[in-house]
């Protein structure tokens, strides 16, 4: 498990670094089995996780907020802190 967690954080950091080098504001990834919506430096990193194991997805609201949602027995639940687009 420790190796898997290390791989995920290394992947997120590498993707955010590559995005920053290219001058983009954010990056959206998927299927790494670990949903996330966070800032890494000045880059917004979004990962939808996966639908099979974690039942997670990324949702963009009409007002520009983006958040990770998890689908459970009682429907979708949102992550605590959605990211607002500039």
C-alpha atoms as a PDB file:
ATOM      1  CA  UNK A   1       0.000   0.000   0.000  1.00  0.00           C
ATOM      2  CA  UNK A   2       2.841   2.397   0.847  1.00  0.00           C
ATOM      3  CA  UNK A   3       4.299   1.908  -2.652  1.00  0.00           C
ATOM      4  CA  UNK A   4       0.927   2.588  -4.282  1.00  0.00           C
ATOM      5  CA  UNK A   5       0.426   5.804  -2.299  1.00  0.00           C
ATOM      6  CA  UNK A   6       3.940   6.930  -3.222  1.00  0.00           C
ATOM      7  CA  UNK A   7       3.240   6.181  -6.902  1.00  0.00           C
ATOM      8  CA  UNK A   8       0.045   8.246  -6.838  1.00  0.00           C
ATOM      9  CA  UNK A   9       1.714  11.275  -5.230  1.00  0.00           C
ATOM     10  CA  UNK A  10       4.708  11.012  -7.585  1.00  0.00           C
ATOM     11  CA  UNK A  11       2.312  10.848 -10.553  1.00  0.00           C
ATOM     12  CA  UNK A  12       0.308  13.866  -9.360  1.00  0.00           C
ATOM     13  CA  UNK A  13       3.462  15.924  -8.802  1.00  0.00           C
ATOM     14  CA  UNK A  14       4.918  14.941 -12.192  1.00  0.00           C
ATOM     15  CA  UNK A  15       1.690  15.825 -14.020  1.00  0.00           C
ATOM     16  CA  UNK A  16       1.381  19.165 -12.199  1.00  0.00           C
ATOM     17  CA  UNK A  17       5.023  19.981 -12.956  1.00  0.00           C
ATOM     18  CA  UNK A  18       4.537  19.181 -16.664  1.00  0.00           C
ATOM     19  CA  UNK A  19       1.379  21.323 -16.739  1.00  0.00           C
ATOM     20  CA  UNK A  20       3.202  24.254 -15.115  1.00  0.00           C
ATOM     21  CA  UNK A  21       6.058  23.967 -17.631  1.00  0.00           C
ATOM     22  CA  UNK A  22       3.532  24.209 -20.466  1.00  0.00           C
ATOM     23  CA  UNK A  23       1.898  27.268 -18.919  1.00  0.00           C
ATOM     24  CA  UNK A  24      -1.530  25.743 -18.362  1.00  0.00           C
ATOM     25  CA  UNK A  25      -3.719  26.419 -15.325  1.00  0.00           C
ATOM     26  CA  UNK A  26      -4.811  22.872 -14.641  1.00  0.00           C
ATOM     27  CA  UNK A  27      -4.948  19.259 -15.651  1.00  0.00           C
ATOM     28  CA  UNK A  28      -7.691  16.623 -15.569  1.00  0.00           C
ATOM     29  CA  UNK A  29      -6.727  12.960 -15.234  1.00  0.00           C
ATOM     30  CA  UNK A  30      -8.604   9.785 -14.575  1.00  0.00           C
ATOM     31  CA  UNK A  31      -8.521   6.127 -13.728  1.00  0.00           C
ATOM     32  CA  UNK A  32      -5.746   6.183 -11.145  1.00  0.00           C
ATOM     33  CA  UNK A  33      -8.275   4.930  -8.550  1.00  0.00           C
ATOM     34  CA  UNK A  34      -7.709   7.940  -6.312  1.00  0.00           C
ATOM     35  CA  UNK A  35     -10.075  10.852  -6.908  1.00  0.00           C
ATOM     36  CA  UNK A  36      -8.637  14.291  -6.139  1.00  0.00           C
ATOM     37  CA  UNK A  37      -9.314  17.995  -6.597  1.00  0.00           C
ATOM     38  CA  UNK A  38      -6.438  20.045  -5.258  1.00  0.00           C
ATOM     39  CA  UNK A  39      -3.777  22.604  -6.037  1.00  0.00           C
ATOM     40  CA  UNK A  40      -0.204  21.555  -6.595  1.00  0.00           C
ATOM     41  CA  UNK A  41       1.762  24.779  -6.710  1.00  0.00           C
ATOM     42  CA  UNK A  42      -0.166  27.038  -9.099  1.00  0.00           C
ATOM     43  CA  UNK A  43      -1.758  24.142 -11.003  1.00  0.00           C
ATOM     44  CA  UNK A  44      -5.229  22.737 -10.377  1.00  0.00           C
ATOM     45  CA  UNK A  45      -5.000  18.954 -10.362  1.00  0.00           C
ATOM     46  CA  UNK A  46      -8.227  17.005 -10.925  1.00  0.00           C
ATOM     47  CA  UNK A  47      -8.566  13.250 -11.043  1.00  0.00           C
ATOM     48  CA  UNK A  48     -11.963  11.606 -11.391  1.00  0.00           C
ATOM     49  CA  UNK A  49     -10.746   8.383  -9.793  1.00  0.00           C
ATOM     50  CA  UNK A  50     -12.712   5.509 -11.270  1.00  0.00           C
ATOM     51  CA  UNK A  51     -16.323   4.474 -11.466  1.00  0.00           C
ATOM     52  CA  UNK A  52     -15.865   0.746 -10.810  1.00  0.00           C
ATOM     53  CA  UNK A  53     -14.024   0.682  -7.469  1.00  0.00           C
ATOM     54  CA  UNK A  54     -14.609   4.105  -5.893  1.00  0.00           C
ATOM     55  CA  UNK A  55     -17.712   5.272  -7.809  1.00  0.00           C
ATOM     56  CA  UNK A  56     -16.256   8.773  -8.152  1.00  0.00           C
ATOM     57  CA  UNK A  57     -16.541  11.426 -10.846  1.00  0.00           C
ATOM     58  CA  UNK A  58     -15.780  15.098 -11.491  1.00  0.00           C
ATOM     59  CA  UNK A  59     -18.684  17.536 -11.770  1.00  0.00           C
ATOM     60  CA  UNK A  60     -18.584  21.098 -13.099  1.00  0.00           C
ATOM     61  CA  UNK A  61     -21.406  23.278 -11.823  1.00  0.00           C
ATOM     62  CA  UNK A  62     -23.037  26.032 -13.893  1.00  0.00           C
ATOM     63  CA  UNK A  63     -21.247  28.646 -11.753  1.00  0.00           C
ATOM     64  CA  UNK A  64     -17.821  27.181 -12.626  1.00  0.00           C
ATOM     65  CA  UNK A  65     -17.160  25.229  -9.430  1.00  0.00           C
ATOM     66  CA  UNK A  66     -15.578  21.838  -9.956  1.00  0.00           C
ATOM     67  CA  UNK A  67     -15.769  19.056  -7.406  1.00  0.00           C
ATOM     68  CA  UNK A  68     -15.279  15.341  -6.990  1.00  0.00           C
ATOM     69  CA  UNK A  69     -18.445  13.412  -6.164  1.00  0.00           C
ATOM     70  CA  UNK A  70     -18.741   9.889  -4.796  1.00  0.00           C
ATOM     71  CA  UNK A  71     -21.788   7.782  -5.599  1.00  0.00           C
ATOM     72  CA  UNK A  72     -23.073   5.650  -2.760  1.00  0.00           C
ATOM     73  CA  UNK A  73     -26.199   3.915  -1.586  1.00  0.00           C
ATOM     74  CA  UNK A  74     -27.952   7.261  -1.043  1.00  0.00           C
ATOM     75  CA  UNK A  75     -26.799   8.950  -4.262  1.00  0.00           C
ATOM     76  CA  UNK A  76     -23.961  11.380  -4.840  1.00  0.00           C
ATOM     77  CA  UNK A  77     -22.011  13.085  -2.080  1.00  0.00           C
ATOM     78  CA  UNK A  78     -19.595  15.922  -2.760  1.00  0.00           C
ATOM     79  CA  UNK A  79     -16.072  16.486  -1.558  1.00  0.00           C
ATOM     80  CA  UNK A  80     -15.858  19.208   1.087  1.00  0.00           C
ATOM     81  CA  UNK A  81     -14.096  21.938  -0.917  1.00  0.00           C
ATOM     82  CA  UNK A  82     -15.003  22.457  -4.591  1.00  0.00           C
ATOM     83  CA  UNK A  83     -12.533  24.398  -6.725  1.00  0.00           C
ATOM     84  CA  UNK A  84     -13.716  27.591  -8.400  1.00  0.00           C
ATOM     85  CA  UNK A  85     -12.513  28.421 -11.877  1.00  0.00           C
ATOM     86  CA  UNK A  86     -10.936  31.852 -12.410  1.00  0.00           C
END
